[in-house]
Amino acid sequence: MTDIQKRLFELRDEKYRDFQVKLIPTADPARVIGVRTPELRRLAKELSKKDDIDIFLDALPHDHFDENQLHAFILSGMKDYDRCMGGVCRFLPFVDNWATCDQMSPKVFGNNKDDLLVHIKDWLRSDKTYTVRFAVGMLMEHFLGDDYDVSYPEMVAEIRSDEYYVNMMRAWYFATALAKQYDSAVRFIEEKKLDKWTHNKAIQKSVESYRITPEQKAYLRSLKIK
Protein backbone atom coordinates (compact mmCIF):
# COMPACT_ATOMS: atom_id res chain seq x y z
CA MET A 1 0.00 0.00 0.00
CA THR A 2 1.34 3.44 -0.94
CA ASP A 3 1.63 6.30 1.56
CA ILE A 4 -1.32 8.07 -0.09
CA GLN A 5 -3.45 4.93 0.05
CA LYS A 6 -2.60 4.60 3.75
CA ARG A 7 -3.74 8.19 4.30
CA LEU A 8 -7.00 7.49 2.53
CA PHE A 9 -7.73 4.39 4.58
CA GLU A 10 -7.02 6.37 7.76
CA LEU A 11 -9.78 8.78 6.67
CA ARG A 12 -12.24 6.01 5.83
CA ASP A 13 -15.89 6.37 6.88
CA GLU A 14 -17.72 3.05 6.52
CA LYS A 15 -21.23 4.53 6.59
CA TYR A 16 -20.28 7.10 3.96
CA ARG A 17 -18.77 4.34 1.85
CA ASP A 18 -22.08 2.44 1.88
CA PHE A 19 -23.87 5.64 0.84
CA GLN A 20 -21.43 6.27 -2.02
CA VAL A 21 -21.77 2.76 -3.39
CA LYS A 22 -25.52 3.29 -3.78
CA LEU A 23 -25.09 6.76 -5.28
CA ILE A 24 -22.46 5.75 -7.84
CA PRO A 25 -23.61 2.42 -9.33
CA THR A 26 -20.81 2.25 -11.90
CA ALA A 27 -18.15 2.27 -9.18
CA ASP A 28 -16.90 -1.15 -8.08
CA PRO A 29 -17.78 -1.39 -4.35
CA ALA A 30 -14.51 -3.22 -3.71
CA ARG A 31 -12.61 -0.15 -4.94
CA VAL A 32 -14.46 2.42 -2.80
CA ILE A 33 -12.66 3.34 0.43
CA GLY A 34 -15.24 5.86 1.67
CA VAL A 35 -13.48 9.18 2.25
CA ARG A 36 -15.72 12.22 2.54
CA THR A 37 -15.30 14.99 -0.02
CA PRO A 38 -14.10 17.72 2.42
CA GLU A 39 -11.36 15.37 3.64
CA LEU A 40 -10.35 14.62 0.05
CA ARG A 41 -10.19 18.33 -0.77
CA ARG A 42 -8.02 19.03 2.25
CA LEU A 43 -5.69 16.17 1.39
CA ALA A 44 -5.51 17.28 -2.25
CA LYS A 45 -4.52 20.79 -1.16
CA GLU A 46 -1.82 19.36 1.09
CA LEU A 47 -0.43 16.91 -1.45
CA SER A 48 -0.41 19.41 -4.30
CA LYS A 49 2.41 21.22 -2.52
CA LYS A 50 4.61 18.11 -2.55
CA ASP A 51 7.51 18.08 -5.00
CA ASP A 52 6.88 14.43 -5.81
CA ILE A 53 3.11 14.63 -6.40
CA ASP A 54 3.65 13.79 -10.08
CA ILE A 55 4.54 10.25 -9.01
CA PHE A 56 0.94 9.83 -7.83
CA LEU A 57 -0.53 11.65 -10.84
CA ASP A 58 1.42 9.43 -13.25
CA ALA A 59 0.47 6.19 -11.48
CA LEU A 60 -2.52 5.39 -13.67
CA PRO A 61 -4.81 3.58 -13.40
CA HIS A 62 -5.35 4.00 -9.67
CA ASP A 63 -6.55 1.13 -7.53
CA HIS A 64 -9.37 2.98 -5.77
CA PHE A 65 -12.27 5.31 -6.54
CA ASP A 66 -11.07 7.65 -3.78
CA GLU A 67 -7.67 7.95 -5.46
CA ASN A 68 -9.43 9.07 -8.63
CA GLN A 69 -11.38 11.63 -6.62
CA LEU A 70 -8.16 12.87 -5.04
CA HIS A 71 -6.55 13.04 -8.48
CA ALA A 72 -9.46 15.13 -9.80
CA PHE A 73 -9.24 17.59 -6.91
CA ILE A 74 -5.47 17.99 -7.33
CA LEU A 75 -5.92 18.77 -11.02
CA SER A 76 -8.76 21.17 -10.25
CA GLY A 77 -6.49 23.22 -8.01
CA MET A 78 -3.58 23.58 -10.42
CA LYS A 79 -2.73 27.14 -11.43
CA ASP A 80 -0.50 26.36 -14.40
CA TYR A 81 -2.79 25.89 -17.39
CA ASP A 82 -0.50 23.76 -19.55
CA ARG A 83 0.37 21.44 -16.69
CA CYS A 84 -3.28 21.16 -15.72
CA MET A 85 -4.52 20.49 -19.24
CA GLY A 86 -1.83 17.90 -19.79
CA GLY A 87 -2.84 16.18 -16.58
CA VAL A 88 -6.54 16.24 -17.46
CA CYS A 89 -5.88 14.76 -20.90
CA ARG A 90 -3.86 11.91 -19.36
CA PHE A 91 -6.44 11.28 -16.64
CA LEU A 92 -9.71 11.45 -18.60
CA PRO A 93 -9.42 7.97 -20.19
CA PHE A 94 -9.34 6.49 -16.68
CA VAL A 95 -12.39 8.35 -15.33
CA ASP A 96 -15.12 5.73 -14.92
CA ASN A 97 -17.93 7.40 -12.96
CA TRP A 98 -20.02 10.56 -12.92
CA ALA A 99 -18.74 11.81 -9.56
CA THR A 100 -15.08 11.98 -10.53
CA CYS A 101 -16.05 13.43 -13.90
CA ASP A 102 -18.24 16.19 -12.49
CA GLN A 103 -16.03 17.13 -9.57
CA MET A 104 -13.05 17.74 -11.83
CA SER A 105 -13.38 21.44 -12.60
CA PRO A 106 -10.06 23.25 -12.99
CA LYS A 107 -10.52 26.96 -12.29
CA VAL A 108 -7.58 27.79 -14.53
CA PHE A 109 -9.60 26.64 -17.56
CA GLY A 110 -11.63 29.84 -17.32
CA ASN A 111 -8.58 31.91 -18.23
CA ASN A 112 -7.70 29.91 -21.35
CA LYS A 113 -10.99 29.44 -23.18
CA ASP A 114 -9.67 29.49 -26.74
CA ASP A 115 -7.42 26.49 -26.13
CA LEU A 116 -10.00 24.85 -23.88
CA LEU A 117 -12.54 24.94 -26.72
CA VAL A 118 -10.09 23.10 -29.01
CA HIS A 119 -9.81 20.32 -26.43
CA ILE A 120 -13.57 20.23 -25.84
CA LYS A 121 -14.18 19.60 -29.53
CA ASP A 122 -11.66 16.77 -29.43
CA TRP A 123 -13.18 15.25 -26.27
CA LEU A 124 -16.65 15.32 -27.82
CA ARG A 125 -15.39 12.91 -30.48
CA SER A 126 -14.22 10.39 -27.89
CA ASP A 127 -15.73 6.93 -27.58
CA LYS A 128 -15.37 7.11 -23.79
CA THR A 129 -18.52 7.98 -21.86
CA TYR A 130 -17.00 10.22 -19.23
CA THR A 131 -14.69 12.05 -21.61
CA VAL A 132 -17.77 13.13 -23.59
CA ARG A 133 -19.64 13.96 -20.38
CA PHE A 134 -16.71 16.06 -19.19
CA ALA A 135 -16.62 17.95 -22.50
CA VAL A 136 -20.31 18.82 -22.26
CA GLY A 137 -19.81 19.84 -18.64
CA MET A 138 -17.01 22.21 -19.63
CA LEU A 139 -19.20 23.76 -22.34
CA MET A 140 -21.89 24.27 -19.72
CA GLU A 141 -19.52 25.75 -17.16
CA HIS A 142 -17.48 28.05 -19.38
CA PHE A 143 -19.45 28.84 -22.52
CA LEU A 144 -22.99 29.81 -21.51
CA GLY A 145 -22.13 33.37 -20.50
CA ASP A 146 -20.44 36.18 -22.41
CA ASP A 147 -18.58 33.63 -24.55
CA TYR A 148 -21.79 31.93 -25.70
CA ASP A 149 -22.25 31.06 -29.34
CA VAL A 150 -25.12 29.09 -30.86
CA SER A 151 -22.62 26.66 -32.35
CA TYR A 152 -21.94 25.30 -28.85
CA PRO A 153 -25.43 23.91 -28.16
CA GLU A 154 -25.38 22.67 -31.75
CA MET A 155 -22.41 20.50 -30.81
CA VAL A 156 -24.24 19.08 -27.80
CA ALA A 157 -27.44 18.52 -29.79
CA GLU A 158 -25.55 16.58 -32.46
CA ILE A 159 -24.31 13.97 -29.97
CA ARG A 160 -26.04 10.63 -30.33
CA SER A 161 -25.36 8.18 -27.53
CA ASP A 162 -27.00 5.26 -25.77
CA GLU A 163 -25.09 6.12 -22.59
CA TYR A 164 -27.29 7.35 -19.74
CA TYR A 165 -24.52 9.46 -18.21
CA VAL A 166 -23.83 11.22 -21.50
CA ASN A 167 -27.48 12.00 -22.18
CA MET A 168 -28.15 13.12 -18.62
CA MET A 169 -25.33 15.66 -18.95
CA ARG A 170 -26.75 16.79 -22.31
CA ALA A 171 -30.12 17.33 -20.65
CA TRP A 172 -28.47 19.21 -17.80
CA TYR A 173 -26.63 21.35 -20.36
CA PHE A 174 -29.83 22.36 -22.14
CA ALA A 175 -31.67 23.00 -18.89
CA THR A 176 -28.86 25.37 -17.90
CA ALA A 177 -28.79 26.92 -21.38
CA LEU A 178 -32.52 27.59 -21.09
CA ALA A 179 -31.85 29.41 -17.83
CA LYS A 180 -28.96 31.47 -19.19
CA GLN A 181 -29.61 31.78 -22.94
CA TYR A 182 -33.34 31.10 -23.19
CA ASP A 183 -34.15 32.72 -26.54
CA SER A 184 -31.41 30.78 -28.29
CA ALA A 185 -31.72 27.48 -26.41
CA VAL A 186 -35.48 27.17 -26.66
CA ARG A 187 -35.21 26.82 -30.43
CA PHE A 188 -33.50 23.47 -29.94
CA ILE A 189 -36.53 22.30 -27.98
CA GLU A 190 -39.05 23.82 -30.39
CA GLU A 191 -37.33 22.24 -33.38
CA LYS A 192 -36.87 18.90 -31.59
CA LYS A 193 -33.15 18.72 -32.28
CA LEU A 194 -32.56 16.32 -29.39
CA ASP A 195 -33.48 12.67 -29.06
CA LYS A 196 -36.78 12.13 -27.23
CA TRP A 197 -35.31 11.10 -23.86
CA THR A 198 -32.86 14.01 -23.67
CA HIS A 199 -35.50 16.44 -24.95
CA ASN A 200 -37.99 15.48 -22.24
CA LYS A 201 -35.36 15.29 -19.50
CA ALA A 202 -34.11 18.79 -20.38
CA ILE A 203 -37.67 20.10 -20.07
CA GLN A 204 -38.13 18.28 -16.76
CA LYS A 205 -34.95 19.76 -15.30
CA SER A 206 -35.86 23.21 -16.62
CA VAL A 207 -39.28 23.33 -15.03
CA GLU A 208 -37.69 22.33 -11.73
CA SER A 209 -35.39 25.36 -11.90
CA TYR A 210 -36.09 28.61 -10.08
CA ARG A 211 -34.27 30.44 -12.89
CA ILE A 212 -37.05 29.69 -15.38
CA THR A 213 -40.15 31.91 -15.26
CA PRO A 214 -43.64 30.41 -14.74
CA GLU A 215 -44.55 31.44 -18.29
CA GLN A 216 -41.47 29.76 -19.71
CA LYS A 217 -42.17 26.63 -17.69
CA ALA A 218 -45.72 26.42 -19.02
CA TYR A 219 -44.48 26.79 -22.58
CA LEU A 220 -41.75 24.19 -22.12
CA ARG A 221 -44.26 21.69 -20.71
CA SER A 222 -46.31 22.12 -23.87
CA LEU A 223 -43.27 21.07 -25.93
CA LYS A 224 -42.83 17.70 -24.22
CA ILE A 225 -42.74 14.79 -26.66
CA LYS A 226 -45.30 12.12 -25.79
C-alpha atoms as a PDB file:
ATOM      1  CA  MET A   1       0.000   0.000   0.000  1.00  0.00           C
ATOM      2  CA  THR A   2       1.341   3.436  -0.940  1.00  0.00           C
ATOM      3  CA  ASP A   3       1.626   6.298   1.558  1.00  0.00           C
ATOM      4  CA  ILE A   4      -1.315   8.066  -0.093  1.00  0.00           C
ATOM      5  CA  GLN A   5      -3.445   4.932   0.054  1.00  0.00           C
ATOM      6  CA  LYS A   6      -2.604   4.597   3.750  1.00  0.00           C
ATOM      7  CA  ARG A   7      -3.735   8.192   4.304  1.00  0.00           C
ATOM      8  CA  LEU A   8      -7.000   7.491   2.532  1.00  0.00           C
ATOM      9  CA  PHE A   9      -7.730   4.395   4.577  1.00  0.00           C
ATOM     10  CA  GLU A  10      -7.022   6.370   7.757  1.00  0.00           C
ATOM     11  CA  LEU A  11      -9.785   8.775   6.667  1.00  0.00           C
ATOM     12  CA  ARG A  12     -12.245   6.009   5.830  1.00  0.00           C
ATOM     13  CA  ASP A  13     -15.890   6.370   6.884  1.00  0.00           C
ATOM     14  CA  GLU A  14     -17.724   3.048   6.522  1.00  0.00           C
ATOM     15  CA  LYS A  15     -21.233   4.533   6.589  1.00  0.00           C
ATOM     16  CA  TYR A  16     -20.283   7.096   3.962  1.00  0.00           C
ATOM     17  CA  ARG A  17     -18.771   4.336   1.855  1.00  0.00           C
ATOM     18  CA  ASP A  18     -22.076   2.438   1.880  1.00  0.00           C
ATOM     19  CA  PHE A  19     -23.870   5.644   0.844  1.00  0.00           C
ATOM     20  CA  GLN A  20     -21.431   6.273  -2.015  1.00  0.00           C
ATOM     21  CA  VAL A  21     -21.765   2.763  -3.386  1.00  0.00           C
ATOM     22  CA  LYS A  22     -25.518   3.292  -3.782  1.00  0.00           C
ATOM     23  CA  LEU A  23     -25.087   6.756  -5.282  1.00  0.00           C
ATOM     24  CA  ILE A  24     -22.462   5.745  -7.845  1.00  0.00           C
ATOM     25  CA  PRO A  25     -23.615   2.424  -9.332  1.00  0.00           C
ATOM     26  CA  THR A  26     -20.808   2.247 -11.899  1.00  0.00           C
ATOM     27  CA  ALA A  27     -18.146   2.271  -9.176  1.00  0.00           C
ATOM     28  CA  ASP A  28     -16.897  -1.146  -8.076  1.00  0.00           C
ATOM     29  CA  PRO A  29     -17.777  -1.387  -4.347  1.00  0.00           C
ATOM     30  CA  ALA A  30     -14.506  -3.220  -3.707  1.00  0.00           C
ATOM     31  CA  ARG A  31     -12.611  -0.146  -4.939  1.00  0.00           C
ATOM     32  CA  VAL A  32     -14.457   2.416  -2.798  1.00  0.00           C
ATOM     33  CA  ILE A  33     -12.665   3.340   0.434  1.00  0.00           C
ATOM     34  CA  GLY A  34     -15.245   5.858   1.670  1.00  0.00           C
ATOM     35  CA  VAL A  35     -13.484   9.180   2.248  1.00  0.00           C
ATOM     36  CA  ARG A  36     -15.721  12.220   2.543  1.00  0.00           C
ATOM     37  CA  THR A  37     -15.295  14.992  -0.016  1.00  0.00           C
ATOM     38  CA  PRO A  38     -14.101  17.721   2.424  1.00  0.00           C
ATOM     39  CA  GLU A  39     -11.356  15.368   3.635  1.00  0.00           C
ATOM     40  CA  LEU A  40     -10.349  14.618   0.052  1.00  0.00           C
ATOM     41  CA  ARG A  41     -10.193  18.328  -0.769  1.00  0.00           C
ATOM     42  CA  ARG A  42      -8.017  19.032   2.254  1.00  0.00           C
ATOM     43  CA  LEU A  43      -5.691  16.166   1.386  1.00  0.00           C
ATOM     44  CA  ALA A  44      -5.509  17.282  -2.247  1.00  0.00           C
ATOM     45  CA  LYS A  45      -4.518  20.786  -1.164  1.00  0.00           C
ATOM     46  CA  GLU A  46      -1.819  19.361   1.090  1.00  0.00           C
ATOM     47  CA  LEU A  47      -0.434  16.910  -1.448  1.00  0.00           C
ATOM     48  CA  SER A  48      -0.411  19.415  -4.299  1.00  0.00           C
ATOM     49  CA  LYS A  49       2.412  21.219  -2.519  1.00  0.00           C
ATOM     50  CA  LYS A  50       4.610  18.109  -2.546  1.00  0.00           C
ATOM     51  CA  ASP A  51       7.508  18.082  -5.004  1.00  0.00           C
ATOM     52  CA  ASP A  52       6.884  14.427  -5.808  1.00  0.00           C
ATOM     53  CA  ILE A  53       3.107  14.625  -6.404  1.00  0.00           C
ATOM     54  CA  ASP A  54       3.649  13.792 -10.075  1.00  0.00           C
ATOM     55  CA  ILE A  55       4.536  10.251  -9.008  1.00  0.00           C
ATOM     56  CA  PHE A  56       0.938   9.828  -7.830  1.00  0.00           C
ATOM     57  CA  LEU A  57      -0.531  11.647 -10.839  1.00  0.00           C
ATOM     58  CA  ASP A  58       1.424   9.431 -13.246  1.00  0.00           C
ATOM     59  CA  ALA A  59       0.473   6.188 -11.478  1.00  0.00           C
ATOM     60  CA  LEU A  60      -2.517   5.388 -13.668  1.00  0.00           C
ATOM     61  CA  PRO A  61      -4.808   3.584 -13.396  1.00  0.00           C
ATOM     62  CA  HIS A  62      -5.349   4.002  -9.674  1.00  0.00           C
ATOM     63  CA  ASP A  63      -6.555   1.133  -7.528  1.00  0.00           C
ATOM     64  CA  HIS A  64      -9.370   2.980  -5.769  1.00  0.00           C
ATOM     65  CA  PHE A  65     -12.274   5.308  -6.537  1.00  0.00           C
ATOM     66  CA  ASP A  66     -11.073   7.651  -3.784  1.00  0.00           C
ATOM     67  CA  GLU A  67      -7.668   7.954  -5.457  1.00  0.00           C
ATOM     68  CA  ASN A  68      -9.425   9.067  -8.634  1.00  0.00           C
ATOM     69  CA  GLN A  69     -11.377  11.626  -6.621  1.00  0.00           C
ATOM     70  CA  LEU A  70      -8.162  12.868  -5.040  1.00  0.00           C
ATOM     71  CA  HIS A  71      -6.554  13.043  -8.479  1.00  0.00           C
ATOM     72  CA  ALA A  72      -9.463  15.128  -9.803  1.00  0.00           C
ATOM     73  CA  PHE A  73      -9.235  17.589  -6.915  1.00  0.00           C
ATOM     74  CA  ILE A  74      -5.471  17.992  -7.330  1.00  0.00           C
ATOM     75  CA  LEU A  75      -5.917  18.768 -11.023  1.00  0.00           C
ATOM     76  CA  SER A  76      -8.757  21.171 -10.253  1.00  0.00           C
ATOM     77  CA  GLY A  77      -6.494  23.216  -8.006  1.00  0.00           C
ATOM     78  CA  MET A  78      -3.580  23.576 -10.416  1.00  0.00           C
ATOM     79  CA  LYS A  79      -2.734  27.140 -11.427  1.00  0.00           C
ATOM     80  CA  ASP A  80      -0.498  26.362 -14.401  1.00  0.00           C
ATOM     81  CA  TYR A  81      -2.792  25.886 -17.389  1.00  0.00           C
ATOM     82  CA  ASP A  82      -0.503  23.762 -19.552  1.00  0.00           C
ATOM     83  CA  ARG A  83       0.367  21.437 -16.694  1.00  0.00           C
ATOM     84  CA  CYS A  84      -3.281  21.156 -15.718  1.00  0.00           C
ATOM     85  CA  MET A  85      -4.524  20.492 -19.242  1.00  0.00           C
ATOM     86  CA  GLY A  86      -1.826  17.898 -19.792  1.00  0.00           C
ATOM     87  CA  GLY A  87      -2.844  16.179 -16.577  1.00  0.00           C
ATOM     88  CA  VAL A  88      -6.536  16.243 -17.457  1.00  0.00           C
ATOM     89  CA  CYS A  89      -5.885  14.758 -20.903  1.00  0.00           C
ATOM     90  CA  ARG A  90      -3.865  11.912 -19.362  1.00  0.00           C
ATOM     91  CA  PHE A  91      -6.436  11.276 -16.643  1.00  0.00           C
ATOM     92  CA  LEU A  92      -9.706  11.450 -18.600  1.00  0.00           C
ATOM     93  CA  PRO A  93      -9.415   7.967 -20.192  1.00  0.00           C
ATOM     94  CA  PHE A  94      -9.342   6.486 -16.681  1.00  0.00           C
ATOM     95  CA  VAL A  95     -12.386   8.349 -15.332  1.00  0.00           C
ATOM     96  CA  ASP A  96     -15.117   5.729 -14.923  1.00  0.00           C
ATOM     97  CA  ASN A  97     -17.933   7.396 -12.962  1.00  0.00           C
ATOM     98  CA  TRP A  98     -20.023  10.560 -12.919  1.00  0.00           C
ATOM     99  CA  ALA A  99     -18.745  11.807  -9.565  1.00  0.00           C
ATOM    100  CA  THR A 100     -15.075  11.977 -10.531  1.00  0.00           C
ATOM    101  CA  CYS A 101     -16.048  13.427 -13.899  1.00  0.00           C
ATOM    102  CA  ASP A 102     -18.242  16.189 -12.492  1.00  0.00           C
ATOM    103  CA  GLN A 103     -16.034  17.132  -9.567  1.00  0.00           C
ATOM    104  CA  MET A 104     -13.048  17.742 -11.830  1.00  0.00           C
ATOM    105  CA  SER A 105     -13.382  21.441 -12.595  1.00  0.00           C
ATOM    106  CA  PRO A 106     -10.056  23.255 -12.987  1.00  0.00           C
ATOM    107  CA  LYS A 107     -10.520  26.961 -12.285  1.00  0.00           C
ATOM    108  CA  VAL A 108      -7.576  27.795 -14.532  1.00  0.00           C
ATOM    109  CA  PHE A 109      -9.600  26.643 -17.556  1.00  0.00           C
ATOM    110  CA  GLY A 110     -11.635  29.844 -17.324  1.00  0.00           C
ATOM    111  CA  ASN A 111      -8.582  31.906 -18.234  1.00  0.00           C
ATOM    112  CA  ASN A 112      -7.698  29.909 -21.352  1.00  0.00           C
ATOM    113  CA  LYS A 113     -10.992  29.442 -23.178  1.00  0.00           C
ATOM    114  CA  ASP A 114      -9.669  29.485 -26.743  1.00  0.00           C
ATOM    115  CA  ASP A 115      -7.422  26.492 -26.129  1.00  0.00           C
ATOM    116  CA  LEU A 116     -10.004  24.845 -23.883  1.00  0.00           C
ATOM    117  CA  LEU A 117     -12.538  24.940 -26.723  1.00  0.00           C
ATOM    118  CA  VAL A 118     -10.090  23.105 -29.005  1.00  0.00           C
ATOM    119  CA  HIS A 119      -9.811  20.319 -26.432  1.00  0.00           C
ATOM    120  CA  ILE A 120     -13.571  20.229 -25.845  1.00  0.00           C
ATOM    121  CA  LYS A 121     -14.181  19.604 -29.529  1.00  0.00           C
ATOM    122  CA  ASP A 122     -11.663  16.769 -29.428  1.00  0.00           C
ATOM    123  CA  TRP A 123     -13.178  15.246 -26.267  1.00  0.00           C
ATOM    124  CA  LEU A 124     -16.648  15.317 -27.823  1.00  0.00           C
ATOM    125  CA  ARG A 125     -15.393  12.908 -30.485  1.00  0.00           C
ATOM    126  CA  SER A 126     -14.219  10.387 -27.890  1.00  0.00           C
ATOM    127  CA  ASP A 127     -15.729   6.929 -27.585  1.00  0.00           C
ATOM    128  CA  LYS A 128     -15.369   7.105 -23.788  1.00  0.00           C
ATOM    129  CA  THR A 129     -18.516   7.984 -21.860  1.00  0.00           C
ATOM    130  CA  TYR A 130     -17.000  10.220 -19.227  1.00  0.00           C
ATOM    131  CA  THR A 131     -14.694  12.053 -21.614  1.00  0.00           C
ATOM    132  CA  VAL A 132     -17.772  13.135 -23.588  1.00  0.00           C
ATOM    133  CA  ARG A 133     -19.639  13.958 -20.378  1.00  0.00           C
ATOM    134  CA  PHE A 134     -16.707  16.062 -19.190  1.00  0.00           C
ATOM    135  CA  ALA A 135     -16.620  17.951 -22.505  1.00  0.00           C
ATOM    136  CA  VAL A 136     -20.315  18.817 -22.262  1.00  0.00           C
ATOM    137  CA  GLY A 137     -19.812  19.844 -18.643  1.00  0.00           C
ATOM    138  CA  MET A 138     -17.006  22.212 -19.630  1.00  0.00           C
ATOM    139  CA  LEU A 139     -19.200  23.765 -22.337  1.00  0.00           C
ATOM    140  CA  MET A 140     -21.890  24.268 -19.718  1.00  0.00           C
ATOM    141  CA  GLU A 141     -19.520  25.749 -17.159  1.00  0.00           C
ATOM    142  CA  HIS A 142     -17.479  28.050 -19.377  1.00  0.00           C
ATOM    143  CA  PHE A 143     -19.452  28.845 -22.521  1.00  0.00           C
ATOM    144  CA  LEU A 144     -22.987  29.806 -21.511  1.00  0.00           C
ATOM    145  CA  GLY A 145     -22.129  33.366 -20.499  1.00  0.00           C
ATOM    146  CA  ASP A 146     -20.442  36.176 -22.406  1.00  0.00           C
ATOM    147  CA  ASP A 147     -18.582  33.630 -24.551  1.00  0.00           C
ATOM    148  CA  TYR A 148     -21.785  31.928 -25.695  1.00  0.00           C
ATOM    149  CA  ASP A 149     -22.254  31.055 -29.344  1.00  0.00           C
ATOM    150  CA  VAL A 150     -25.123  29.089 -30.857  1.00  0.00           C
ATOM    151  CA  SER A 151     -22.620  26.664 -32.351  1.00  0.00           C
ATOM    152  CA  TYR A 152     -21.943  25.300 -28.849  1.00  0.00           C
ATOM    153  CA  PRO A 153     -25.431  23.912 -28.155  1.00  0.00           C
ATOM    154  CA  GLU A 154     -25.380  22.673 -31.745  1.00  0.00           C
ATOM    155  CA  MET A 155     -22.405  20.499 -30.810  1.00  0.00           C
ATOM    156  CA  VAL A 156     -24.245  19.083 -27.804  1.00  0.00           C
ATOM    157  CA  ALA A 157     -27.439  18.517 -29.792  1.00  0.00           C
ATOM    158  CA  GLU A 158     -25.551  16.578 -32.461  1.00  0.00           C
ATOM    159  CA  ILE A 159     -24.308  13.969 -29.968  1.00  0.00           C
ATOM    160  CA  ARG A 160     -26.037  10.634 -30.327  1.00  0.00           C
ATOM    161  CA  SER A 161     -25.358   8.183 -27.531  1.00  0.00           C
ATOM    162  CA  ASP A 162     -26.997   5.259 -25.765  1.00  0.00           C
ATOM    163  CA  GLU A 163     -25.093   6.116 -22.587  1.00  0.00           C
ATOM    164  CA  TYR A 164     -27.286   7.345 -19.739  1.00  0.00           C
ATOM    165  CA  TYR A 165     -24.519   9.456 -18.211  1.00  0.00           C
ATOM    166  CA  VAL A 166     -23.832  11.220 -21.504  1.00  0.00           C
ATOM    167  CA  ASN A 167     -27.477  12.000 -22.175  1.00  0.00           C
ATOM    168  CA  MET A 168     -28.147  13.123 -18.620  1.00  0.00           C
ATOM    169  CA  MET A 169     -25.334  15.657 -18.952  1.00  0.00           C
ATOM    170  CA  ARG A 170     -26.745  16.791 -22.309  1.00  0.00           C
ATOM    171  CA  ALA A 171     -30.124  17.325 -20.649  1.00  0.00           C
ATOM    172  CA  TRP A 172     -28.472  19.209 -17.803  1.00  0.00           C
ATOM    173  CA  TYR A 173     -26.632  21.351 -20.364  1.00  0.00           C
ATOM    174  CA  PHE A 174     -29.829  22.359 -22.142  1.00  0.00           C
ATOM    175  CA  ALA A 175     -31.674  23.004 -18.892  1.00  0.00           C
ATOM    176  CA  THR A 176     -28.862  25.369 -17.903  1.00  0.00           C
ATOM    177  CA  ALA A 177     -28.790  26.917 -21.384  1.00  0.00           C
ATOM    178  CA  LEU A 178     -32.521  27.593 -21.089  1.00  0.00           C
ATOM    179  CA  ALA A 179     -31.850  29.413 -17.826  1.00  0.00           C
ATOM    180  CA  LYS A 180     -28.958  31.471 -19.195  1.00  0.00           C
ATOM    181  CA  GLN A 181     -29.613  31.782 -22.940  1.00  0.00           C
ATOM    182  CA  TYR A 182     -33.342  31.097 -23.190  1.00  0.00           C
ATOM    183  CA  ASP A 183     -34.150  32.717 -26.540  1.00  0.00           C
ATOM    184  CA  SER A 184     -31.409  30.777 -28.287  1.00  0.00           C
ATOM    185  CA  ALA A 185     -31.716  27.482 -26.411  1.00  0.00           C
ATOM    186  CA  VAL A 186     -35.483  27.173 -26.660  1.00  0.00           C
ATOM    187  CA  ARG A 187     -35.214  26.824 -30.431  1.00  0.00           C
ATOM    188  CA  PHE A 188     -33.497  23.469 -29.937  1.00  0.00           C
ATOM    189  CA  ILE A 189     -36.531  22.305 -27.975  1.00  0.00           C
ATOM    190  CA  GLU A 190     -39.048  23.818 -30.388  1.00  0.00           C
ATOM    191  CA  GLU A 191     -37.332  22.242 -33.385  1.00  0.00           C
ATOM    192  CA  LYS A 192     -36.870  18.895 -31.591  1.00  0.00           C
ATOM    193  CA  LYS A 193     -33.148  18.718 -32.284  1.00  0.00           C
ATOM    194  CA  LEU A 194     -32.564  16.325 -29.387  1.00  0.00           C
ATOM    195  CA  ASP A 195     -33.483  12.671 -29.056  1.00  0.00           C
ATOM    196  CA  LYS A 196     -36.780  12.130 -27.231  1.00  0.00           C
ATOM    197  CA  TRP A 197     -35.313  11.098 -23.860  1.00  0.00           C
ATOM    198  CA  THR A 198     -32.861  14.012 -23.666  1.00  0.00           C
ATOM    199  CA  HIS A 199     -35.501  16.444 -24.949  1.00  0.00           C
ATOM    200  CA  ASN A 200     -37.988  15.484 -22.240  1.00  0.00           C
ATOM    201  CA  LYS A 201     -35.360  15.294 -19.501  1.00  0.00           C
ATOM    202  CA  ALA A 202     -34.112  18.786 -20.377  1.00  0.00           C
ATOM    203  CA  ILE A 203     -37.672  20.098 -20.069  1.00  0.00           C
ATOM    204  CA  GLN A 204     -38.134  18.282 -16.759  1.00  0.00           C
ATOM    205  CA  LYS A 205     -34.955  19.758 -15.303  1.00  0.00           C
ATOM    206  CA  SER A 206     -35.856  23.205 -16.623  1.00  0.00           C
ATOM    207  CA  VAL A 207     -39.283  23.330 -15.031  1.00  0.00           C
ATOM    208  CA  GLU A 208     -37.690  22.326 -11.730  1.00  0.00           C
ATOM    209  CA  SER A 209     -35.394  25.358 -11.903  1.00  0.00           C
ATOM    210  CA  TYR A 210     -36.089  28.613 -10.078  1.00  0.00           C
ATOM    211  CA  ARG A 211     -34.271  30.441 -12.891  1.00  0.00           C
ATOM    212  CA  ILE A 212     -37.055  29.695 -15.384  1.00  0.00           C
ATOM    213  CA  THR A 213     -40.148  31.915 -15.255  1.00  0.00           C
ATOM    214  CA  PRO A 214     -43.641  30.407 -14.736  1.00  0.00           C
ATOM    215  CA  GLU A 215     -44.554  31.444 -18.294  1.00  0.00           C
ATOM    216  CA  GLN A 216     -41.470  29.758 -19.713  1.00  0.00           C
ATOM    217  CA  LYS A 217     -42.170  26.625 -17.689  1.00  0.00           C
ATOM    218  CA  ALA A 218     -45.716  26.418 -19.016  1.00  0.00           C
ATOM    219  CA  TYR A 219     -44.484  26.787 -22.580  1.00  0.00           C
ATOM    220  CA  LEU A 220     -41.754  24.187 -22.118  1.00  0.00           C
ATOM    221  CA  ARG A 221     -44.263  21.692 -20.713  1.00  0.00           C
ATOM    222  CA  SER A 222     -46.312  22.124 -23.872  1.00  0.00           C
ATOM    223  CA  LEU A 223     -43.271  21.066 -25.932  1.00  0.00           C
ATOM    224  CA  LYS A 224     -42.831  17.704 -24.224  1.00  0.00           C
ATOM    225  CA  ILE A 225     -42.743  14.795 -26.658  1.00  0.00           C
ATOM    226  CA  LYS A 226     -45.302  12.117 -25.786  1.00  0.00           C
END
